[in-house]
C-alpha atoms as a PDB file:
ATOM      1  CA  MET A   1      27.662 -15.855   9.507  1.00  0.00           C
ATOM      2  CA  LYS A   2      24.859 -17.358  11.595  1.00  0.00           C
ATOM      3  CA  PHE A   3      21.727 -15.339  12.135  1.00  0.00           C
ATOM      4  CA  ASP A   4      18.782 -16.051  14.336  1.00  0.00           C
ATOM      5  CA  VAL A   5      15.181 -15.560  13.128  1.00  0.00           C
ATOM      6  CA  VAL A   6      12.860 -15.321  16.150  1.00  0.00           C
ATOM      7  CA  LYS A   7       9.049 -14.900  16.210  1.00  0.00           C
ATOM      8  CA  VAL A   8       8.353 -11.860  18.481  1.00  0.00           C
ATOM      9  CA  GLN A   9       5.677  -9.389  19.504  1.00  0.00           C
ATOM     10  CA  GLU A  10       4.920  -6.233  17.624  1.00  0.00           C
ATOM     11  CA  ILE A  11       6.615  -4.032  20.210  1.00  0.00           C
ATOM     12  CA  ASP A  12       9.896  -5.840  19.539  1.00  0.00           C
ATOM     13  CA  ILE A  13      10.114  -4.663  15.960  1.00  0.00           C
ATOM     14  CA  GLU A  14       8.788  -1.095  16.384  1.00  0.00           C
ATOM     15  CA  SER A  15      12.183   0.603  16.169  1.00  0.00           C
ATOM     16  CA  HIS A  16      13.061  -1.208  12.937  1.00  0.00           C
ATOM     17  CA  ARG A  17       9.616  -0.509  11.453  1.00  0.00           C
ATOM     18  CA  ARG A  18      10.186   3.186  12.050  1.00  0.00           C
ATOM     19  CA  LEU A  19      13.509   2.946  10.250  1.00  0.00           C
ATOM     20  CA  PHE A  20      11.894   1.120   7.317  1.00  0.00           C
ATOM     21  CA  LEU A  21       9.099   3.625   6.939  1.00  0.00           C
ATOM     22  CA  ALA A  22      11.483   6.589   7.210  1.00  0.00           C
ATOM     23  CA  GLU A  23      13.682   5.112   4.505  1.00  0.00           C
ATOM     24  CA  ALA A  24      10.850   3.984   2.243  1.00  0.00           C
ATOM     25  CA  LYS A  25       9.135   7.351   1.582  1.00  0.00           C
ATOM     26  CA  PHE A  26       6.207   5.804  -0.165  1.00  0.00           C
ATOM     27  CA  GLN A  27       2.674   4.610   0.762  1.00  0.00           C
ATOM     28  CA  PHE A  28       3.081   1.255   2.341  1.00  0.00           C
ATOM     29  CA  VAL A  29      -0.188  -0.706   1.749  1.00  0.00           C
ATOM     30  CA  TYR A  30       0.529  -3.257   4.443  1.00  0.00           C
ATOM     31  CA  ASN A  31       0.911  -0.702   7.184  1.00  0.00           C
ATOM     32  CA  LYS A  32      -2.646  -1.319   8.453  1.00  0.00           C
ATOM     33  CA  CYS A  33      -1.841  -5.012   9.126  1.00  0.00           C
ATOM     34  CA  HIS A  34       0.114  -4.214  12.216  1.00  0.00           C
ATOM     35  CA  GLY A  35      -2.530  -2.190  14.072  1.00  0.00           C
ATOM     36  CA  ALA A  36      -5.177  -4.716  13.053  1.00  0.00           C
ATOM     37  CA  GLY A  37      -3.186  -7.742  14.244  1.00  0.00           C
ATOM     38  CA  TRP A  38      -3.146  -9.344  10.756  1.00  0.00           C
ATOM     39  CA  VAL A  39       0.599 -10.238  10.798  1.00  0.00           C
ATOM     40  CA  ASP A  40       3.133 -12.371  12.640  1.00  0.00           C
ATOM     41  CA  THR A  41       6.401 -10.614  13.189  1.00  0.00           C
ATOM     42  CA  TYR A  42       9.939 -11.959  13.233  1.00  0.00           C
ATOM     43  CA  LEU A  43      13.162 -10.347  14.486  1.00  0.00           C
ATOM     44  CA  PHE A  44      16.506 -11.001  12.788  1.00  0.00           C
ATOM     45  CA  LYS A  45      19.473 -11.158  15.103  1.00  0.00           C
ATOM     46  CA  ASP A  46      23.240 -11.252  14.831  1.00  0.00           C
ATOM     47  CA  ASN A  47      24.831 -12.432  18.160  1.00  0.00           C
ATOM     48  CA  ASP A  48      21.613 -11.448  19.922  1.00  0.00           C
ATOM     49  CA  ILE A  49      21.681  -7.886  18.419  1.00  0.00           C
ATOM     50  CA  PRO A  50      18.602  -7.016  16.290  1.00  0.00           C
ATOM     51  CA  VAL A  51      19.516  -6.265  12.738  1.00  0.00           C
ATOM     52  CA  GLY A  52      16.096  -6.312  10.960  1.00  0.00           C
ATOM     53  CA  TYR A  53      12.614  -7.815  10.911  1.00  0.00           C
ATOM     54  CA  GLY A  54      10.018  -9.425   8.717  1.00  0.00           C
ATOM     55  CA  SER A  55       6.208  -9.835   8.684  1.00  0.00           C
ATOM     56  CA  VAL A  56       3.900 -12.590   7.410  1.00  0.00           C
ATOM     57  CA  TRP A  57       0.188 -12.461   6.699  1.00  0.00           C
ATOM     58  CA  GLY A  58      -2.391 -14.540   4.900  1.00  0.00           C
ATOM     59  CA  LYS A  59      -2.656 -14.537   1.136  1.00  0.00           C
ATOM     60  CA  ASP A  60      -6.333 -15.608   1.080  1.00  0.00           C
ATOM     61  CA  LYS A  61      -7.204 -15.941   4.720  1.00  0.00           C
ATOM     62  CA  ARG A  62      -5.650 -13.589   7.262  1.00  0.00           C
ATOM     63  CA  GLU A  63      -5.270 -16.241   9.887  1.00  0.00           C
ATOM     64  CA  GLU A  64      -3.152 -18.539   7.685  1.00  0.00           C
ATOM     65  CA  ARG A  65       0.046 -16.390   7.780  1.00  0.00           C
ATOM     66  CA  ASP A  66       1.479 -17.991   4.662  1.00  0.00           C
ATOM     67  CA  THR A  67       2.745 -14.866   2.822  1.00  0.00           C
ATOM     68  CA  ILE A  68       5.799 -12.709   3.523  1.00  0.00           C
ATOM     69  CA  CYS A  69       4.843  -9.042   3.126  1.00  0.00           C
ATOM     70  CA  GLU A  70       7.704  -7.153   4.945  1.00  0.00           C
ATOM     71  CA  PHE A  71      11.481  -7.645   4.987  1.00  0.00           C
ATOM     72  CA  PHE A  72      13.869  -5.055   6.366  1.00  0.00           C
ATOM     73  CA  LEU A  73      17.515  -5.110   7.357  1.00  0.00           C
ATOM     74  CA  ASP A  74      19.909  -2.511   8.706  1.00  0.00           C
ATOM     75  CA  LYS A  75      22.125  -1.337   5.839  1.00  0.00           C
ATOM     76  CA  PRO A  76      25.354  -3.055   6.968  1.00  0.00           C
ATOM     77  CA  PHE A  77      23.518  -6.430   6.857  1.00  0.00           C
ATOM     78  CA  ARG A  78      21.889  -6.139   3.489  1.00  0.00           C
ATOM     79  CA  LYS A  79      24.820  -7.959   1.910  1.00  0.00           C
ATOM     80  CA  HIS A  80      23.487 -10.977   3.797  1.00  0.00           C
ATOM     81  CA  ALA A  81      19.876 -10.484   2.601  1.00  0.00           C
ATOM     82  CA  ARG A  82      19.670 -13.752   0.661  1.00  0.00           C
ATOM     83  CA  GLN A  83      20.902 -15.787   3.597  1.00  0.00           C
ATOM     84  CA  ILE A  84      18.667 -14.127   6.122  1.00  0.00           C
ATOM     85  CA  PHE A  85      15.652 -14.261   3.746  1.00  0.00           C
ATOM     86  CA  GLN A  86      16.026 -18.020   3.297  1.00  0.00           C
ATOM     87  CA  GLN A  87      16.202 -18.407   7.063  1.00  0.00           C
ATOM     88  CA  PHE A  88      13.083 -16.260   7.338  1.00  0.00           C
ATOM     89  CA  ILE A  89      11.232 -18.458   4.868  1.00  0.00           C
ATOM     90  CA  LYS A  90      12.164 -21.571   6.890  1.00  0.00           C
ATOM     91  CA  ALA A  91      11.253 -20.032  10.248  1.00  0.00           C
ATOM     92  CA  SER A  92       7.879 -18.681   9.130  1.00  0.00           C
ATOM     93  CA  GLY A  93       6.889 -21.585   6.815  1.00  0.00           C
ATOM     94  CA  ALA A  94       5.743 -19.066   4.234  1.00  0.00           C
ATOM     95  CA  SER A  95       4.692 -20.229   0.752  1.00  0.00           C
ATOM     96  CA  PHE A  96       4.316 -16.874  -0.989  1.00  0.00           C
ATOM     97  CA  VAL A  97       5.767 -13.374  -1.140  1.00  0.00           C
ATOM     98  CA  GLU A  98       3.518 -10.382  -1.701  1.00  0.00           C
ATOM     99  CA  CYS A  99       5.078  -6.938  -1.947  1.00  0.00           C
ATOM    100  CA  GLN A 100       5.307  -3.586  -3.653  1.00  0.00           C
ATOM    101  CA  THR A 101       7.911  -3.210  -6.389  1.00  0.00           C
ATOM    102  CA  ASN A 102       8.997   0.120  -4.926  1.00  0.00           C
ATOM    103  CA  ASP A 103       9.916  -1.763  -1.762  1.00  0.00           C
ATOM    104  CA  ILE A 104      13.354  -2.572  -3.342  1.00  0.00           C
ATOM    105  CA  LEU A 105      14.798  -4.969  -0.831  1.00  0.00           C
ATOM    106  CA  LEU A 106      11.792  -7.268  -0.574  1.00  0.00           C
ATOM    107  CA  ALA A 107      11.001  -6.992  -4.305  1.00  0.00           C
ATOM    108  CA  GLY A 108      14.492  -8.163  -5.039  1.00  0.00           C
ATOM    109  CA  MET A 109      14.016 -11.151  -2.772  1.00  0.00           C
ATOM    110  CA  ALA A 110      10.694 -11.912  -4.433  1.00  0.00           C
ATOM    111  CA  PHE A 111      12.224 -11.971  -7.905  1.00  0.00           C
ATOM    112  CA  GLU A 112      15.054 -14.209  -6.806  1.00  0.00           C
ATOM    113  CA  SER A 113      13.079 -16.599  -4.567  1.00  0.00           C
ATOM    114  CA  THR A 114       9.665 -16.990  -6.155  1.00  0.00           C
ATOM    115  CA  LYS A 115       8.008 -18.252  -9.351  1.00  0.00           C
ATOM    116  CA  ASN A 116       4.738 -17.556 -11.191  1.00  0.00           C
ATOM    117  CA  ILE A 117       4.968 -13.874 -10.278  1.00  0.00           C
ATOM    118  CA  ASN A 118       1.959 -11.809 -11.106  1.00  0.00           C
ATOM    119  CA  ALA A 119       1.132  -8.127 -10.722  1.00  0.00           C
ATOM    120  CA  GLU A 120      -2.169  -7.702  -8.873  1.00  0.00           C
ATOM    121  CA  ALA A 121      -2.500  -3.888  -8.417  1.00  0.00           C
ATOM    122  CA  ILE A 122      -1.063  -0.600  -9.597  1.00  0.00           C
ATOM    123  CA  LEU A 123       0.172   1.976  -7.072  1.00  0.00           C
ATOM    124  CA  PHE A 124      -0.164   5.696  -7.781  1.00  0.00           C
ATOM    125  CA  GLU A 125       1.457   8.777  -6.363  1.00  0.00           C
ATOM    126  CA  THR A 126       0.637  12.450  -7.009  1.00  0.00           C
ATOM    127  CA  ALA A 127       2.532  13.960  -9.956  1.00  0.00           C
ATOM    128  CA  PHE A 128       0.889  17.287 -10.886  1.00  0.00           C
ATOM    129  CA  GLU A 129      -2.115  19.515 -10.147  1.00  0.00           C
ATOM    130  CA  THR A 130      -5.091  19.807 -12.465  1.00  0.00           C
ATOM    131  CA  ALA A 131      -7.793  22.442 -12.943  1.00  0.00           C
ATOM    132  CA  PHE A 132     -10.885  20.613 -14.172  1.00  0.00           C
ATOM    133  CA  ALA A 133     -14.374  22.115 -13.786  1.00  0.00           C
ATOM    134  CA  ILE A 134     -17.800  20.975 -14.764  1.00  0.00           C
ATOM    135  CA  ASP A 135     -20.715  23.390 -15.022  1.00  0.00           C
ATOM    136  CA  ASP A 136     -23.218  22.966 -12.252  1.00  0.00           C
ATOM    137  CA  ALA A 137     -21.242  20.140 -10.618  1.00  0.00           C
ATOM    138  CA  GLN A 138     -20.291  20.762  -6.962  1.00  0.00           C
ATOM    139  CA  PHE A 139     -17.810  18.923  -4.680  1.00  0.00           C
ATOM    140  CA  VAL A 140     -19.618  18.488  -1.315  1.00  0.00           C
ATOM    141  CA  LYS A 141     -18.264  17.436   2.033  1.00  0.00           C
ATOM    142  CA  SER A 142     -20.580  15.533   4.410  1.00  0.00           C
ATOM    143  CA  LYS A 143     -21.355  17.137   7.762  1.00  0.00           C
ATOM    144  CA  ASN A 144     -20.243  13.771   9.221  1.00  0.00           C
ATOM    145  CA  ALA A 145     -16.594  13.462   8.075  1.00  0.00           C
ATOM    146  CA  ASP A 146     -16.464   9.956   9.594  1.00  0.00           C
ATOM    147  CA  GLU A 147     -18.922   8.566   7.032  1.00  0.00           C
ATOM    148  CA  TRP A 148     -17.617   6.025   4.585  1.00  0.00           C
ATOM    149  CA  ASN A 149     -18.484   8.186   1.570  1.00  0.00           C
ATOM    150  CA  ALA A 150     -17.656  11.511   3.294  1.00  0.00           C
ATOM    151  CA  TYR A 151     -17.437  13.447  -0.051  1.00  0.00           C
ATOM    152  CA  SER A 152     -19.634  13.507  -3.119  1.00  0.00           C
ATOM    153  CA  MET A 153     -20.018  15.132  -6.466  1.00  0.00           C
ATOM    154  CA  GLN A 154     -23.495  16.563  -6.945  1.00  0.00           C
ATOM    155  CA  LYS A 155     -25.326  18.011  -9.923  1.00  0.00           C
ATOM    156  CA  ASP A 156     -28.830  19.453  -9.886  1.00  0.00           C
ATOM    157  CA  GLY A 157     -29.216  18.059  -6.378  1.00  0.00           C
ATOM    158  CA  GLU A 158     -28.287  14.530  -7.399  1.00  0.00           C
ATOM    159  CA  VAL A 159     -25.343  12.690  -6.031  1.00  0.00           C
ATOM    160  CA  ILE A 160     -23.462  11.500  -9.116  1.00  0.00           C
ATOM    161  CA  ALA A 161     -20.214  10.262  -7.495  1.00  0.00           C
ATOM    162  CA  THR A 162     -18.889   9.593  -4.070  1.00  0.00           C
ATOM    163  CA  GLY A 163     -15.423   9.130  -2.472  1.00  0.00           C
ATOM    164  CA  GLY A 164     -13.245   9.604   0.504  1.00  0.00           C
ATOM    165  CA  PHE A 165     -10.174   8.394   2.300  1.00  0.00           C
ATOM    166  CA  ILE A 166      -8.969   5.182   3.952  1.00  0.00           C
ATOM    167  CA  TRP A 167      -6.626   5.991   6.806  1.00  0.00           C
ATOM    168  CA  ASN A 168      -4.602   2.867   6.568  1.00  0.00           C
ATOM    169  CA  TYR A 169      -1.361   4.064   5.055  1.00  0.00           C
ATOM    170  CA  ASN A 170       1.737   5.156   6.904  1.00  0.00           C
ATOM    171  CA  PHE A 171       1.908   8.912   7.627  1.00  0.00           C
ATOM    172  CA  PRO A 172       1.759  11.210   5.739  1.00  0.00           C
ATOM    173  CA  TYR A 173       0.149   9.176   2.913  1.00  0.00           C
ATOM    174  CA  ILE A 174      -3.604   8.654   2.586  1.00  0.00           C
ATOM    175  CA  ASP A 175      -5.486   6.253   0.294  1.00  0.00           C
ATOM    176  CA  ILE A 176      -8.152   7.834  -1.950  1.00  0.00           C
ATOM    177  CA  TYR A 177     -11.180   5.912  -3.203  1.00  0.00           C
ATOM    178  CA  TYR A 178     -14.067   7.018  -5.413  1.00  0.00           C
ATOM    179  CA  GLU A 179     -17.050   5.694  -7.290  1.00  0.00           C
ATOM    180  CA  VAL A 180     -19.112   7.245 -10.084  1.00  0.00           C
ATOM    181  CA  LYS A 181     -22.655   6.156 -10.935  1.00  0.00           C
ATOM    182  CA  GLU A 182     -22.363   3.634 -13.780  1.00  0.00           C
ATOM    183  CA  ASP A 183     -24.614   5.517 -16.182  1.00  0.00           C
ATOM    184  CA  LEU A 184     -22.646   8.752 -15.697  1.00  0.00           C
ATOM    185  CA  ARG A 185     -19.136   7.404 -16.220  1.00  0.00           C
ATOM    186  CA  ARG A 186     -16.738   8.617 -18.917  1.00  0.00           C
ATOM    187  CA  GLN A 187     -18.108  12.195 -18.560  1.00  0.00           C
ATOM    188  CA  GLY A 188     -15.339  13.680 -16.456  1.00  0.00           C
ATOM    189  CA  TYR A 189     -17.023  13.421 -13.069  1.00  0.00           C
ATOM    190  CA  GLY A 190     -14.579  10.974 -11.684  1.00  0.00           C
ATOM    191  CA  VAL A 191     -11.576  13.038 -12.721  1.00  0.00           C
ATOM    192  CA  PHE A 192     -13.116  16.106 -11.197  1.00  0.00           C
ATOM    193  CA  LEU A 193     -13.852  14.279  -7.972  1.00  0.00           C
ATOM    194  CA  MET A 194     -10.382  12.875  -7.789  1.00  0.00           C
ATOM    195  CA  GLN A 195      -8.939  16.303  -8.296  1.00  0.00           C
ATOM    196  CA  GLU A 196     -10.920  17.733  -5.400  1.00  0.00           C
ATOM    197  CA  LEU A 197     -10.154  14.761  -3.158  1.00  0.00           C
ATOM    198  CA  LYS A 198      -6.397  15.386  -3.738  1.00  0.00           C
ATOM    199  CA  LYS A 199      -6.909  18.978  -2.650  1.00  0.00           C
ATOM    200  CA  GLU A 200      -8.752  17.862   0.437  1.00  0.00           C
ATOM    201  CA  ALA A 201      -5.947  15.446   1.323  1.00  0.00           C
ATOM    202  CA  TYR A 202      -3.457  18.266   1.399  1.00  0.00           C
ATOM    203  CA  ARG A 203      -5.811  20.324   3.549  1.00  0.00           C
ATOM    204  CA  LEU A 204      -5.713  17.340   5.961  1.00  0.00           C
ATOM    205  CA  ASN A 205      -1.849  17.525   5.834  1.00  0.00           C
ATOM    206  CA  ARG A 206      -1.686  14.248   3.974  1.00  0.00           C
ATOM    207  CA  VAL A 207      -0.095  13.192   0.716  1.00  0.00           C
ATOM    208  CA  PRO A 208      -2.634  11.681  -1.734  1.00  0.00           C
ATOM    209  CA  ALA A 209      -2.091   8.127  -3.004  1.00  0.00           C
ATOM    210  CA  ALA A 210      -4.235   5.568  -4.795  1.00  0.00           C
ATOM    211  CA  ARG A 211      -4.283   2.126  -6.332  1.00  0.00           C
ATOM    212  CA  CYS A 212      -6.333   0.022  -8.678  1.00  0.00           C
ATOM    213  CA  ASN A 213      -6.431  -3.448 -10.089  1.00  0.00           C
ATOM    214  CA  VAL A 214      -4.077  -3.998 -13.003  1.00  0.00           C
ATOM    215  CA  ASN A 215      -7.009  -4.914 -15.223  1.00  0.00           C
ATOM    216  CA  ASN A 216      -9.055  -1.832 -14.355  1.00  0.00           C
ATOM    217  CA  HIS A 217      -8.005   0.225 -17.375  1.00  0.00           C
ATOM    218  CA  ALA A 218     -10.730   2.812 -16.873  1.00  0.00           C
ATOM    219  CA  SER A 219      -9.623   3.542 -13.305  1.00  0.00           C
ATOM    220  CA  LYS A 220      -6.001   3.777 -14.408  1.00  0.00           C
ATOM    221  CA  ALA A 221      -6.822   6.275 -17.112  1.00  0.00           C
ATOM    222  CA  LEU A 222      -8.853   8.365 -14.681  1.00  0.00           C
ATOM    223  CA  LEU A 223      -6.076   8.463 -12.135  1.00  0.00           C
ATOM    224  CA  LEU A 224      -3.437   9.440 -14.753  1.00  0.00           C
ATOM    225  CA  LYS A 225      -5.663  12.233 -16.090  1.00  0.00           C
ATOM    226  CA  ALA A 226      -6.281  13.455 -12.551  1.00  0.00           C
ATOM    227  CA  GLY A 227      -2.596  14.107 -11.988  1.00  0.00           C
ATOM    228  CA  MET A 228      -1.400  10.831 -10.540  1.00  0.00           C
ATOM    229  CA  ARG A 229       1.434   8.677 -11.878  1.00  0.00           C
ATOM    230  CA  VAL A 230       2.336   5.002 -11.480  1.00  0.00           C
ATOM    231  CA  CYS A 231       4.948   4.515  -8.709  1.00  0.00           C
ATOM    232  CA  GLY A 232       4.869   0.797  -8.353  1.00  0.00           C
ATOM    233  CA  TYR A 233       2.910  -2.516  -8.505  1.00  0.00           C
ATOM    234  CA  ILE A 234       1.789  -5.027  -5.912  1.00  0.00           C
ATOM    235  CA  ILE A 235       3.170  -8.424  -7.010  1.00  0.00           C
ATOM    236  CA  MET A 236       2.639 -11.991  -5.715  1.00  0.00           C
ATOM    237  CA  GLY A 237       5.016 -14.944  -6.188  1.00  0.00           C
ATOM    238  CA  GLU A 238       5.141 -18.567  -5.100  1.00  0.00           C
ATOM    239  CA  ILE A 239       8.251 -19.326  -3.065  1.00  0.00           C
ATOM    240  CA  ILE A 240      10.500 -21.845  -4.764  1.00  0.00           C
ATOM    241  CA  LYS A 241      11.030 -24.775  -2.432  1.00  0.00           C
END
């Protein structure tokens, strides 16, 4: 079969992006790239009928557009995924694939089509609720919820940890971040803060999610203790030419 891979505007792939996100049911870290204009988009066609799409962004510089980060096909056409993916590589000129391992279709293409694959980050989803408490430590919400560090953990009037949300994931997921003062780490404040941020996420009608660098063992341990679990990895591979 002969497929066409055509560079298009964002609006031309919207219907297929909705299908992808509805099927995925996980936090998609590249979701923000579309609204920010950080990707080029391509439509895949069979006899002029759209059957899927792909997106390309910059591995190191956003304007370079050298890295495939999205690849979706309607189910009847997934048997042609290898052929369409190779045409996508050629049309886009991409040199790398960056994706989430829980994005099964693109991850499969990455493992088949790239070399020197490395995991760069760990993705977490919520697994269970916790009930940690620390005497005299309070979870405080800023009066200005739009502030970067909109929440804090305070003790004896001192801010000992801060955190909040980054609204860049696909609905209903939300990305949680946090930071504990260096001299007060490993005392349970980060876990307590993460626990309370998870509760706040649900109050905002969002599903909490998080990520950390694969080498950040302390952050991984904190997230696991706070009721999160590993749901995938962000991997990067160099396309085999």
